[in-house]
Amino acid sequence: MVREGANCRVAARCFIWLFVLLQPCFGQIPRRDRAEGGIVIIKLGGSSITDKGQKETLNKVALDWFSDTLLSAIDRSFLAPDVNSTATCNDADVRSKNTSFVVVHGAGSFGHHTAKEFGLQGQSSAPQIGTERMAEEERRHTMTGLSQTRLSVQKLNQAVVENLIKHGINAVSISPCLSVPGMEAHGGSESMTLLAQVVQDALEAGLVPVIHGDACLYGKMGGAGILGGDSLVEALTNATNSKAFAKPVVQTIFLTDVEGVYSKDPNIHPDAKLLKLIEVSPLTGAILTDVTATGSSHQHDVTGGLEVRCLCLFLSLIILHLCLFSSNQTH
């Protein structure tokens, strides 16, 4: 299903997104990497390109906006030969830095509804050793949930890739689970290294990888769970410190369906305050700013919401630029 009537602040959001992209803070990035360019990971929130309240409902207006914006900044080597970039402000700066883009998107209403129905949850750690194998009926139920959830999220992934290709961007789908050996719902360092290599291969070929949060196996006893997009962003960003990427990840951008990070959920609390700075303990990763980050406000979200995002920001160990656009407000 496609929701055509949604409006978003296209011009304003375009300017903010490009300003954030073209004016990065490189406080923790060596000058060598700054000169050679690097990888920008864009986390495209599922709630920003879908109607999370309606199962499998695409927000095509927001998705078109995203593709147009990416087209305006991406290097020509990632475009179809008959396409000219709609390059805007400071385009030469982007190209001189030889910036590569990786898109990671959430599931939104494609996947979360089904995952919740079957009890599939996001996982942050490996399954316990010695866990008993599921009873056969429970195992079959779980595998049905995995297959249906994965089918649903791959529909969204296809829509994102198709939209990017329609705009002239050579995008390619990458599904993490049951494609990368050893990849499970909690990730896994070795499998994430393999995924990073797949991403690197795509970038070197002039392709824009589009990775999605996925339904994965979890352990050897018949379990399954959700590997969220934010966890994928964290793992790929950490690959900066390995040899998996020829170029480092110099920036991570999160796009969501609200105006920024608030002290609490603005959709529920009218007194929520927009936060311009979030302090995080360098020792523990604890959030020092007064933020009610206890999970997602979307009833079908199974991946943890803001709490997980804040943890990913700490673990990524790079400066994060938040660029947010609202698909629920008029221009």
C-alpha atoms as a PDB file:
ATOM      1  CA  MET A   1       0.000   0.000   0.000  1.00  0.00           C
ATOM      2  CA  VAL A   2       1.235   3.499  -0.829  1.00  0.00           C
ATOM      3  CA  ARG A   3       0.248   6.640   1.054  1.00  0.00           C
ATOM      4  CA  GLU A   4       0.359   9.424  -1.540  1.00  0.00           C
ATOM      5  CA  GLY A   5      -1.159  12.253   0.451  1.00  0.00           C
ATOM      6  CA  ALA A   6       1.573  12.802   3.036  1.00  0.00           C
ATOM      7  CA  ASN A   7       3.466  16.090   2.918  1.00  0.00           C
ATOM      8  CA  CYS A   8       6.950  16.866   4.139  1.00  0.00           C
ATOM      9  CA  ARG A   9       8.992  20.021   4.477  1.00  0.00           C
ATOM     10  CA  VAL A  10      10.955  19.258   1.380  1.00  0.00           C
ATOM     11  CA  ALA A  11      12.902  22.475   0.812  1.00  0.00           C
ATOM     12  CA  ALA A  12      13.747  23.075   4.448  1.00  0.00           C
ATOM     13  CA  ARG A  13      14.700  19.478   5.075  1.00  0.00           C
ATOM     14  CA  CYS A  14      16.791  19.374   1.883  1.00  0.00           C
ATOM     15  CA  PHE A  15      18.752  22.392   3.035  1.00  0.00           C
ATOM     16  CA  ILE A  16      19.296  21.032   6.530  1.00  0.00           C
ATOM     17  CA  TRP A  17      20.298  17.590   5.275  1.00  0.00           C
ATOM     18  CA  LEU A  18      22.774  18.966   2.752  1.00  0.00           C
ATOM     19  CA  PHE A  19      24.150  21.474   5.248  1.00  0.00           C
ATOM     20  CA  VAL A  20      24.772  18.699   7.732  1.00  0.00           C
ATOM     21  CA  LEU A  21      26.316  16.539   5.040  1.00  0.00           C
ATOM     22  CA  LEU A  22      28.547  19.205   3.503  1.00  0.00           C
ATOM     23  CA  GLN A  23      29.649  20.810   6.764  1.00  0.00           C
ATOM     24  CA  PRO A  24      30.771  17.797   8.804  1.00  0.00           C
ATOM     25  CA  CYS A  25      32.609  18.059  12.102  1.00  0.00           C
ATOM     26  CA  PHE A  26      35.805  16.073  11.806  1.00  0.00           C
ATOM     27  CA  GLY A  27      36.960  16.467  15.406  1.00  0.00           C
ATOM     28  CA  GLN A  28      37.658  12.749  15.762  1.00  0.00           C
ATOM     29  CA  ILE A  29      38.651  12.038  12.140  1.00  0.00           C
ATOM     30  CA  PRO A  30      42.347  12.226  11.098  1.00  0.00           C
ATOM     31  CA  ARG A  31      43.268  14.827   8.475  1.00  0.00           C
ATOM     32  CA  ARG A  32      44.384  12.084   6.076  1.00  0.00           C
ATOM     33  CA  ASP A  33      40.870  10.633   6.059  1.00  0.00           C
ATOM     34  CA  ARG A  34      39.374  14.075   5.672  1.00  0.00           C
ATOM     35  CA  ALA A  35      41.393  14.674   2.518  1.00  0.00           C
ATOM     36  CA  GLU A  36      40.683  11.294   0.966  1.00  0.00           C
ATOM     37  CA  GLY A  37      36.966  11.369   1.660  1.00  0.00           C
ATOM     38  CA  GLY A  38      35.068   8.608   3.361  1.00  0.00           C
ATOM     39  CA  ILE A  39      31.826   6.758   3.853  1.00  0.00           C
ATOM     40  CA  VAL A  40      28.626   8.385   5.043  1.00  0.00           C
ATOM     41  CA  ILE A  41      26.099   5.953   6.523  1.00  0.00           C
ATOM     42  CA  ILE A  42      22.516   7.155   6.316  1.00  0.00           C
ATOM     43  CA  LYS A  43      20.048   5.471   8.661  1.00  0.00           C
ATOM     44  CA  LEU A  44      16.643   5.965   7.088  1.00  0.00           C
ATOM     45  CA  GLY A  45      14.100   5.473   9.846  1.00  0.00           C
ATOM     46  CA  GLY A  46      11.284   3.114   8.959  1.00  0.00           C
ATOM     47  CA  SER A  47       8.751   5.491  10.475  1.00  0.00           C
ATOM     48  CA  SER A  48       9.899   8.279   8.143  1.00  0.00           C
ATOM     49  CA  ILE A  49       9.212   6.396   4.908  1.00  0.00           C
ATOM     50  CA  THR A  50       6.159   4.403   6.031  1.00  0.00           C
ATOM     51  CA  ASP A  51       3.001   4.934   8.002  1.00  0.00           C
ATOM     52  CA  LYS A  52       3.940   2.871  11.041  1.00  0.00           C
ATOM     53  CA  GLY A  53       0.337   2.721  12.203  1.00  0.00           C
ATOM     54  CA  GLN A  54      -0.863   1.039   8.998  1.00  0.00           C
ATOM     55  CA  LYS A  55       0.596  -2.313   8.011  1.00  0.00           C
ATOM     56  CA  GLU A  56       2.793  -2.218   4.887  1.00  0.00           C
ATOM     57  CA  THR A  57       1.932   1.379   3.956  1.00  0.00           C
ATOM     58  CA  LEU A  58       4.628   3.323   2.111  1.00  0.00           C
ATOM     59  CA  ASN A  59       5.122   7.087   2.407  1.00  0.00           C
ATOM     60  CA  LYS A  60       6.100   7.698  -1.216  1.00  0.00           C
ATOM     61  CA  VAL A  61       6.407  11.475  -0.836  1.00  0.00           C
ATOM     62  CA  ALA A  62       9.076  11.116   1.826  1.00  0.00           C
ATOM     63  CA  LEU A  63      10.843   8.390  -0.127  1.00  0.00           C
ATOM     64  CA  ASP A  64      10.914  10.545  -3.282  1.00  0.00           C
ATOM     65  CA  TRP A  65      12.307  13.408  -1.210  1.00  0.00           C
ATOM     66  CA  PHE A  66      15.089  11.202   0.108  1.00  0.00           C
ATOM     67  CA  SER A  67      16.063   9.945  -3.343  1.00  0.00           C
ATOM     68  CA  ASP A  68      16.076  13.489  -4.754  1.00  0.00           C
ATOM     69  CA  THR A  69      18.243  14.697  -1.882  1.00  0.00           C
ATOM     70  CA  LEU A  70      20.721  11.863  -2.204  1.00  0.00           C
ATOM     71  CA  LEU A  71      20.897  12.441  -5.955  1.00  0.00           C
ATOM     72  CA  SER A  72      21.863  16.067  -5.294  1.00  0.00           C
ATOM     73  CA  ALA A  73      24.945  15.037  -3.314  1.00  0.00           C
ATOM     74  CA  ILE A  74      26.169  11.721  -4.656  1.00  0.00           C
ATOM     75  CA  ASP A  75      29.220  11.306  -6.871  1.00  0.00           C
ATOM     76  CA  ARG A  76      28.551  10.758 -10.578  1.00  0.00           C
ATOM     77  CA  SER A  77      30.312   7.409 -10.478  1.00  0.00           C
ATOM     78  CA  PHE A  78      27.278   6.019  -8.628  1.00  0.00           C
ATOM     79  CA  LEU A  79      24.762   7.245 -11.218  1.00  0.00           C
ATOM     80  CA  ALA A  80      23.342   5.703 -14.379  1.00  0.00           C
ATOM     81  CA  PRO A  81      25.169   6.952 -17.516  1.00  0.00           C
ATOM     82  CA  ASP A  82      22.146   8.826 -18.839  1.00  0.00           C
ATOM     83  CA  VAL A  83      21.548  10.675 -15.562  1.00  0.00           C
ATOM     84  CA  ASN A  84      22.951  14.062 -14.631  1.00  0.00           C
ATOM     85  CA  SER A  85      23.163  14.845 -10.941  1.00  0.00           C
ATOM     86  CA  THR A  86      20.837  17.584  -9.681  1.00  0.00           C
ATOM     87  CA  ALA A  87      23.871  18.962  -7.853  1.00  0.00           C
ATOM     88  CA  THR A  88      23.110  21.852  -5.522  1.00  0.00           C
ATOM     89  CA  CYS A  89      25.100  23.934  -3.041  1.00  0.00           C
ATOM     90  CA  ASN A  90      28.731  22.980  -2.420  1.00  0.00           C
ATOM     91  CA  ASP A  91      28.439  20.005  -4.741  1.00  0.00           C
ATOM     92  CA  ALA A  92      32.109  20.316  -5.701  1.00  0.00           C
ATOM     93  CA  ASP A  93      33.076  19.897  -2.053  1.00  0.00           C
ATOM     94  CA  VAL A  94      31.298  16.575  -1.849  1.00  0.00           C
ATOM     95  CA  ARG A  95      32.863  15.286  -5.039  1.00  0.00           C
ATOM     96  CA  SER A  96      36.358  16.431  -4.079  1.00  0.00           C
ATOM     97  CA  LYS A  97      36.007  14.385  -0.900  1.00  0.00           C
ATOM     98  CA  ASN A  98      34.996  11.349  -2.954  1.00  0.00           C
ATOM     99  CA  THR A  99      32.191  10.623  -0.528  1.00  0.00           C
ATOM    100  CA  SER A 100      30.498   7.214  -0.686  1.00  0.00           C
ATOM    101  CA  PHE A 101      27.055   6.529   0.739  1.00  0.00           C
ATOM    102  CA  VAL A 102      25.612   3.497   2.475  1.00  0.00           C
ATOM    103  CA  VAL A 103      21.870   3.434   3.178  1.00  0.00           C
ATOM    104  CA  VAL A 104      20.498   1.431   6.102  1.00  0.00           C
ATOM    105  CA  HIS A 105      16.736   1.515   6.581  1.00  0.00           C
ATOM    106  CA  GLY A 106      14.377   0.286   9.242  1.00  0.00           C
ATOM    107  CA  ALA A 107      11.230  -1.723   8.695  1.00  0.00           C
ATOM    108  CA  GLY A 108       8.534   0.711   9.770  1.00  0.00           C
ATOM    109  CA  SER A 109       5.147  -0.788   9.032  1.00  0.00           C
ATOM    110  CA  PHE A 110       6.853  -3.396   6.848  1.00  0.00           C
ATOM    111  CA  GLY A 111       7.960  -6.006   9.332  1.00  0.00           C
ATOM    112  CA  HIS A 112       7.253  -4.600  12.774  1.00  0.00           C
ATOM    113  CA  HIS A 113       3.595  -5.576  12.717  1.00  0.00           C
ATOM    114  CA  THR A 114       4.376  -9.151  11.687  1.00  0.00           C
ATOM    115  CA  ALA A 115       7.314  -9.444  14.088  1.00  0.00           C
ATOM    116  CA  LYS A 116       5.125  -8.343  16.972  1.00  0.00           C
ATOM    117  CA  GLU A 117       2.426 -10.800  15.978  1.00  0.00           C
ATOM    118  CA  PHE A 118       4.903 -13.685  16.203  1.00  0.00           C
ATOM    119  CA  GLY A 119       6.797 -12.398  19.231  1.00  0.00           C
ATOM    120  CA  LEU A 120      10.097 -11.679  17.464  1.00  0.00           C
ATOM    121  CA  GLN A 121      12.226  -9.166  19.380  1.00  0.00           C
ATOM    122  CA  GLY A 122      15.456  -7.282  18.809  1.00  0.00           C
ATOM    123  CA  GLN A 123      18.485  -8.993  20.375  1.00  0.00           C
ATOM    124  CA  SER A 124      21.649  -7.337  21.665  1.00  0.00           C
ATOM    125  CA  SER A 125      23.616 -10.328  22.941  1.00  0.00           C
ATOM    126  CA  ALA A 126      24.324 -13.920  21.910  1.00  0.00           C
ATOM    127  CA  PRO A 127      21.856 -16.607  23.066  1.00  0.00           C
ATOM    128  CA  GLN A 128      22.720 -18.427  26.266  1.00  0.00           C
ATOM    129  CA  ILE A 129      24.630 -21.659  25.946  1.00  0.00           C
ATOM    130  CA  GLY A 130      22.651 -24.693  27.008  1.00  0.00           C
ATOM    131  CA  THR A 131      19.276 -23.337  25.961  1.00  0.00           C
ATOM    132  CA  GLU A 132      16.870 -26.188  25.312  1.00  0.00           C
ATOM    133  CA  ARG A 133      15.605 -26.702  21.805  1.00  0.00           C
ATOM    134  CA  MET A 134      12.121 -25.404  21.149  1.00  0.00           C
ATOM    135  CA  ALA A 135       9.203 -27.791  20.951  1.00  0.00           C
ATOM    136  CA  GLU A 136       8.385 -28.616  17.339  1.00  0.00           C
ATOM    137  CA  GLU A 137       5.135 -26.617  17.169  1.00  0.00           C
ATOM    138  CA  GLU A 138       6.797 -23.585  18.758  1.00  0.00           C
ATOM    139  CA  ARG A 139       9.741 -23.856  16.355  1.00  0.00           C
ATOM    140  CA  ARG A 140       7.427 -24.000  13.343  1.00  0.00           C
ATOM    141  CA  HIS A 141       5.505 -20.986  14.643  1.00  0.00           C
ATOM    142  CA  THR A 142       8.747 -19.037  15.087  1.00  0.00           C
ATOM    143  CA  MET A 143      10.033 -19.932  11.634  1.00  0.00           C
ATOM    144  CA  THR A 144       6.703 -18.836  10.147  1.00  0.00           C
ATOM    145  CA  GLY A 145       7.194 -15.505  11.881  1.00  0.00           C
ATOM    146  CA  LEU A 146      10.735 -15.221  10.548  1.00  0.00           C
ATOM    147  CA  SER A 147       9.743 -16.001   6.959  1.00  0.00           C
ATOM    148  CA  GLN A 148       6.731 -13.669   6.949  1.00  0.00           C
ATOM    149  CA  THR A 149       8.586 -10.828   8.675  1.00  0.00           C
ATOM    150  CA  ARG A 150      11.484 -11.145   6.272  1.00  0.00           C
ATOM    151  CA  LEU A 151       9.127 -11.141   3.284  1.00  0.00           C
ATOM    152  CA  SER A 152       7.481  -7.978   4.580  1.00  0.00           C
ATOM    153  CA  VAL A 153      10.701  -6.031   5.195  1.00  0.00           C
ATOM    154  CA  GLN A 154      12.097  -7.101   1.835  1.00  0.00           C
ATOM    155  CA  LYS A 155       9.046  -5.537   0.180  1.00  0.00           C
ATOM    156  CA  LEU A 156      10.085  -2.206   1.695  1.00  0.00           C
ATOM    157  CA  ASN A 157      13.713  -2.770   0.729  1.00  0.00           C
ATOM    158  CA  GLN A 158      12.645  -3.389  -2.857  1.00  0.00           C
ATOM    159  CA  ALA A 159      10.589  -0.188  -2.809  1.00  0.00           C
ATOM    160  CA  VAL A 160      13.559   1.849  -1.516  1.00  0.00           C
ATOM    161  CA  VAL A 161      15.978   0.374  -4.066  1.00  0.00           C
ATOM    162  CA  GLU A 162      13.462   0.764  -6.890  1.00  0.00           C
ATOM    163  CA  ASN A 163      12.895   4.413  -5.975  1.00  0.00           C
ATOM    164  CA  LEU A 164      16.625   5.161  -5.912  1.00  0.00           C
ATOM    165  CA  ILE A 165      17.108   3.453  -9.279  1.00  0.00           C
ATOM    166  CA  LYS A 166      14.181   5.420 -10.701  1.00  0.00           C
ATOM    167  CA  HIS A 167      16.062   8.581  -9.711  1.00  0.00           C
ATOM    168  CA  GLY A 168      19.168   7.356 -11.517  1.00  0.00           C
ATOM    169  CA  ILE A 169      21.145   6.057  -8.544  1.00  0.00           C
ATOM    170  CA  ASN A 170      22.775   2.645  -8.973  1.00  0.00           C
ATOM    171  CA  ALA A 171      21.459   1.111  -5.760  1.00  0.00           C
ATOM    172  CA  VAL A 172      21.648  -2.549  -4.802  1.00  0.00           C
ATOM    173  CA  SER A 173      19.850  -4.486  -2.092  1.00  0.00           C
ATOM    174  CA  ILE A 174      21.824  -6.270   0.635  1.00  0.00           C
ATOM    175  CA  SER A 175      19.955  -8.572   3.030  1.00  0.00           C
ATOM    176  CA  PRO A 176      22.061  -9.382   6.108  1.00  0.00           C
ATOM    177  CA  CYS A 177      20.447 -12.491   7.524  1.00  0.00           C
ATOM    178  CA  LEU A 178      20.523 -15.910   5.858  1.00  0.00           C
ATOM    179  CA  SER A 179      22.815 -14.306   3.263  1.00  0.00           C
ATOM    180  CA  VAL A 180      25.923 -13.564   5.327  1.00  0.00           C
ATOM    181  CA  PRO A 181      27.284 -16.735   6.985  1.00  0.00           C
ATOM    182  CA  GLY A 182      26.810 -16.772  10.737  1.00  0.00           C
ATOM    183  CA  MET A 183      24.664 -13.631  10.876  1.00  0.00           C
ATOM    184  CA  GLU A 184      22.099 -13.882  13.682  1.00  0.00           C
ATOM    185  CA  ALA A 185      19.660 -11.550  15.402  1.00  0.00           C
ATOM    186  CA  HIS A 186      22.361 -10.238  17.759  1.00  0.00           C
ATOM    187  CA  GLY A 187      24.835  -9.718  14.923  1.00  0.00           C
ATOM    188  CA  GLY A 188      28.231 -11.249  15.661  1.00  0.00           C
ATOM    189  CA  SER A 189      31.658  -9.718  15.026  1.00  0.00           C
ATOM    190  CA  GLU A 190      32.823 -12.195  12.394  1.00  0.00           C
ATOM    191  CA  SER A 191      29.610 -12.046  10.396  1.00  0.00           C
ATOM    192  CA  MET A 192      29.556  -8.251  10.606  1.00  0.00           C
ATOM    193  CA  THR A 193      33.072  -8.174   9.186  1.00  0.00           C
ATOM    194  CA  LEU A 194      31.817 -10.265   6.274  1.00  0.00           C
ATOM    195  CA  LEU A 195      28.903  -7.892   5.781  1.00  0.00           C
ATOM    196  CA  ALA A 196      31.305  -4.947   5.839  1.00  0.00           C
ATOM    197  CA  GLN A 197      33.317  -6.594   3.094  1.00  0.00           C
ATOM    198  CA  VAL A 198      30.184  -7.048   0.975  1.00  0.00           C
ATOM    199  CA  VAL A 199      29.430  -3.351   1.448  1.00  0.00           C
ATOM    200  CA  GLN A 200      32.995  -2.441   0.498  1.00  0.00           C
ATOM    201  CA  ASP A 201      32.789  -4.557  -2.672  1.00  0.00           C
ATOM    202  CA  ALA A 202      29.583  -2.781  -3.693  1.00  0.00           C
ATOM    203  CA  LEU A 203      31.067   0.680  -3.109  1.00  0.00           C
ATOM    204  CA  GLU A 204      34.199  -0.142  -5.088  1.00  0.00           C
ATOM    205  CA  ALA A 205      32.000  -1.255  -7.993  1.00  0.00           C
ATOM    206  CA  GLY A 206      30.093   2.056  -7.962  1.00  0.00           C
ATOM    207  CA  LEU A 207      26.960   0.721  -6.277  1.00  0.00           C
ATOM    208  CA  VAL A 208      25.066   2.233  -3.344  1.00  0.00           C
ATOM    209  CA  PRO A 209      24.358  -0.533  -0.790  1.00  0.00           C
ATOM    210  CA  VAL A 210      20.850  -0.457   0.659  1.00  0.00           C
ATOM    211  CA  ILE A 211      20.730  -2.652   3.774  1.00  0.00           C
ATOM    212  CA  HIS A 212      17.621  -3.353   5.813  1.00  0.00           C
ATOM    213  CA  GLY A 213      16.869  -4.416   9.346  1.00  0.00           C
ATOM    214  CA  ASP A 214      16.111  -8.112   9.131  1.00  0.00           C
ATOM    215  CA  ALA A 215      14.534 -11.156  10.735  1.00  0.00           C
ATOM    216  CA  CYS A 216      17.276 -13.632  11.624  1.00  0.00           C
ATOM    217  CA  LEU A 217      17.924 -16.952  13.241  1.00  0.00           C
ATOM    218  CA  TYR A 218      18.901 -16.707  16.908  1.00  0.00           C
ATOM    219  CA  GLY A 219      20.931 -19.625  18.212  1.00  0.00           C
ATOM    220  CA  LYS A 220      20.795 -23.282  17.193  1.00  0.00           C
ATOM    221  CA  MET A 221      17.673 -24.237  19.124  1.00  0.00           C
ATOM    222  CA  GLY A 222      14.992 -22.955  16.793  1.00  0.00           C
ATOM    223  CA  GLY A 223      14.969 -19.324  17.883  1.00  0.00           C
ATOM    224  CA  ALA A 224      14.597 -16.182  15.779  1.00  0.00           C
ATOM    225  CA  GLY A 225      14.777 -12.453  16.394  1.00  0.00           C
ATOM    226  CA  ILE A 226      15.210  -9.027  14.830  1.00  0.00           C
ATOM    227  CA  LEU A 227      18.516  -7.487  13.804  1.00  0.00           C
ATOM    228  CA  GLY A 228      17.590  -3.806  13.812  1.00  0.00           C
ATOM    229  CA  GLY A 229      18.892  -1.154  11.463  1.00  0.00           C
ATOM    230  CA  ASP A 230      20.465   0.793  14.325  1.00  0.00           C
ATOM    231  CA  SER A 231      22.504  -2.241  15.347  1.00  0.00           C
ATOM    232  CA  LEU A 232      23.648  -2.579  11.748  1.00  0.00           C
ATOM    233  CA  VAL A 233      24.714   1.077  11.720  1.00  0.00           C
ATOM    234  CA  GLU A 234      26.711   0.544  14.901  1.00  0.00           C
ATOM    235  CA  ALA A 235      28.475  -2.532  13.528  1.00  0.00           C
ATOM    236  CA  LEU A 236      29.291  -0.969  10.165  1.00  0.00           C
ATOM    237  CA  THR A 237      30.582   2.170  11.837  1.00  0.00           C
ATOM    238  CA  ASN A 238      32.850   0.117  14.072  1.00  0.00           C
ATOM    239  CA  ALA A 239      34.288  -1.415  10.903  1.00  0.00           C
ATOM    240  CA  THR A 240      36.061   1.938  10.518  1.00  0.00           C
ATOM    241  CA  ASN A 241      38.645   0.582  12.956  1.00  0.00           C
ATOM    242  CA  SER A 242      39.280  -2.542  10.896  1.00  0.00           C
ATOM    243  CA  LYS A 243      40.583  -3.221   7.413  1.00  0.00           C
ATOM    244  CA  ALA A 244      37.100  -4.048   6.141  1.00  0.00           C
ATOM    245  CA  PHE A 245      36.690  -0.555   4.700  1.00  0.00           C
ATOM    246  CA  ALA A 246      39.332   0.950   2.431  1.00  0.00           C
ATOM    247  CA  LYS A 247      37.878   4.308   3.452  1.00  0.00           C
ATOM    248  CA  PRO A 248      36.640   5.157   6.962  1.00  0.00           C
ATOM    249  CA  VAL A 249      33.115   5.959   8.028  1.00  0.00           C
ATOM    250  CA  VAL A 250      33.345   9.707   8.601  1.00  0.00           C
ATOM    251  CA  GLN A 251      29.712  10.456   9.319  1.00  0.00           C
ATOM    252  CA  THR A 252      26.484   8.813  10.377  1.00  0.00           C
ATOM    253  CA  ILE A 253      23.173  10.542   9.700  1.00  0.00           C
ATOM    254  CA  PHE A 254      19.841   9.483  11.189  1.00  0.00           C
ATOM    255  CA  LEU A 255      16.638  10.571   9.460  1.00  0.00           C
ATOM    256  CA  THR A 256      13.444  10.139  11.460  1.00  0.00           C
ATOM    257  CA  ASP A 257       9.857  11.347  11.535  1.00  0.00           C
ATOM    258  CA  VAL A 258      10.262  13.995  14.268  1.00  0.00           C
ATOM    259  CA  GLU A 259      11.984  17.379  14.433  1.00  0.00           C
ATOM    260  CA  GLY A 260      14.916  16.236  16.573  1.00  0.00           C
ATOM    261  CA  VAL A 261      15.791  14.526  19.849  1.00  0.00           C
ATOM    262  CA  TYR A 262      13.458  15.626  22.616  1.00  0.00           C
ATOM    263  CA  SER A 263      13.553  15.320  26.393  1.00  0.00           C
ATOM    264  CA  LYS A 264      10.601  12.931  25.968  1.00  0.00           C
ATOM    265  CA  ASP A 265       8.260  11.780  23.230  1.00  0.00           C
ATOM    266  CA  PRO A 266       6.763  14.958  21.657  1.00  0.00           C
ATOM    267  CA  ASN A 267       3.897  12.958  20.167  1.00  0.00           C
ATOM    268  CA  ILE A 268       2.673  12.159  23.671  1.00  0.00           C
ATOM    269  CA  HIS A 269       4.021  15.005  25.837  1.00  0.00           C
ATOM    270  CA  PRO A 270       3.304  18.581  24.629  1.00  0.00           C
ATOM    271  CA  ASP A 271       5.898  19.929  27.100  1.00  0.00           C
ATOM    272  CA  ALA A 272       8.735  17.932  25.518  1.00  0.00           C
ATOM    273  CA  LYS A 273      11.806  20.075  24.848  1.00  0.00           C
ATOM    274  CA  LEU A 274      14.039  19.889  21.793  1.00  0.00           C
ATOM    275  CA  LEU A 275      17.600  18.999  22.806  1.00  0.00           C
ATOM    276  CA  LYS A 276      20.525  20.520  20.937  1.00  0.00           C
ATOM    277  CA  LEU A 277      23.126  18.582  22.906  1.00  0.00           C
ATOM    278  CA  ILE A 278      23.086  15.150  24.535  1.00  0.00           C
ATOM    279  CA  GLU A 279      25.880  14.418  26.981  1.00  0.00           C
ATOM    280  CA  VAL A 280      27.081  10.825  27.186  1.00  0.00           C
ATOM    281  CA  SER A 281      29.527   9.439  29.738  1.00  0.00           C
ATOM    282  CA  PRO A 282      32.778   8.465  27.962  1.00  0.00           C
ATOM    283  CA  LEU A 283      33.293   5.705  30.538  1.00  0.00           C
ATOM    284  CA  THR A 284      29.929   3.953  30.701  1.00  0.00           C
ATOM    285  CA  GLY A 285      27.905   5.269  27.779  1.00  0.00           C
ATOM    286  CA  ALA A 286      25.214   6.439  30.211  1.00  0.00           C
ATOM    287  CA  ILE A 287      23.077   9.335  28.974  1.00  0.00           C
ATOM    288  CA  LEU A 288      23.768  12.300  31.282  1.00  0.00           C
ATOM    289  CA  THR A 289      21.211  14.648  29.722  1.00  0.00           C
ATOM    290  CA  ASP A 290      17.656  14.377  31.050  1.00  0.00           C
ATOM    291  CA  VAL A 291      16.093  12.271  28.282  1.00  0.00           C
ATOM    292  CA  THR A 292      13.243   9.825  28.669  1.00  0.00           C
ATOM    293  CA  ALA A 293      14.794   7.185  26.392  1.00  0.00           C
ATOM    294  CA  THR A 294      12.897   4.104  27.392  1.00  0.00           C
ATOM    295  CA  GLY A 295      12.063   2.733  23.978  1.00  0.00           C
ATOM    296  CA  SER A 296       9.889   3.509  21.010  1.00  0.00           C
ATOM    297  CA  SER A 297       6.493   5.180  21.231  1.00  0.00           C
ATOM    298  CA  HIS A 298       5.267   3.146  18.268  1.00  0.00           C
ATOM    299  CA  GLN A 299       3.281   0.223  19.652  1.00  0.00           C
ATOM    300  CA  HIS A 300       4.548  -2.139  16.954  1.00  0.00           C
ATOM    301  CA  ASP A 301       8.258  -1.239  17.288  1.00  0.00           C
ATOM    302  CA  VAL A 302      10.258  -4.310  18.346  1.00  0.00           C
ATOM    303  CA  THR A 303      13.765  -2.825  18.091  1.00  0.00           C
ATOM    304  CA  GLY A 304      13.968  -0.487  21.091  1.00  0.00           C
ATOM    305  CA  GLY A 305      13.482   3.036  19.732  1.00  0.00           C
ATOM    306  CA  LEU A 306      15.565   5.949  21.057  1.00  0.00           C
ATOM    307  CA  GLU A 307      17.181   3.892  23.810  1.00  0.00           C
ATOM    308  CA  VAL A 308      18.909   1.684  21.265  1.00  0.00           C
ATOM    309  CA  ARG A 309      19.794   4.655  19.052  1.00  0.00           C
ATOM    310  CA  CYS A 310      21.529   6.450  21.920  1.00  0.00           C
ATOM    311  CA  LEU A 311      23.507   3.310  22.716  1.00  0.00           C
ATOM    312  CA  CYS A 312      24.534   3.022  19.072  1.00  0.00           C
ATOM    313  CA  LEU A 313      25.728   6.622  19.092  1.00  0.00           C
ATOM    314  CA  PHE A 314      28.012   5.935  22.034  1.00  0.00           C
ATOM    315  CA  LEU A 315      29.386   2.708  20.593  1.00  0.00           C
ATOM    316  CA  SER A 316      29.972   4.225  17.163  1.00  0.00           C
ATOM    317  CA  LEU A 317      32.599   6.577  18.591  1.00  0.00           C
ATOM    318  CA  ILE A 318      32.107   9.206  15.897  1.00  0.00           C
ATOM    319  CA  ILE A 319      30.379  12.551  15.791  1.00  0.00           C
ATOM    320  CA  LEU A 320      26.753  12.075  14.841  1.00  0.00           C
ATOM    321  CA  HIS A 321      24.778  14.638  12.903  1.00  0.00           C
ATOM    322  CA  LEU A 322      21.052  14.344  13.271  1.00  0.00           C
ATOM    323  CA  CYS A 323      19.045  15.479  10.288  1.00  0.00           C
ATOM    324  CA  LEU A 324      15.363  14.928  10.771  1.00  0.00           C
ATOM    325  CA  PHE A 325      12.362  15.500   8.570  1.00  0.00           C
ATOM    326  CA  SER A 326       8.722  15.179   9.367  1.00  0.00           C
ATOM    327  CA  SER A 327       6.418  13.365   6.986  1.00  0.00           C
ATOM    328  CA  ASN A 328       3.383  14.417   8.994  1.00  0.00           C
ATOM    329  CA  GLN A 329       3.497  18.191   8.523  1.00  0.00           C
ATOM    330  CA  THR A 330       2.864  20.491   5.606  1.00  0.00           C
ATOM    331  CA  HIS A 331       5.492  22.716   4.060  1.00  0.00           C
END
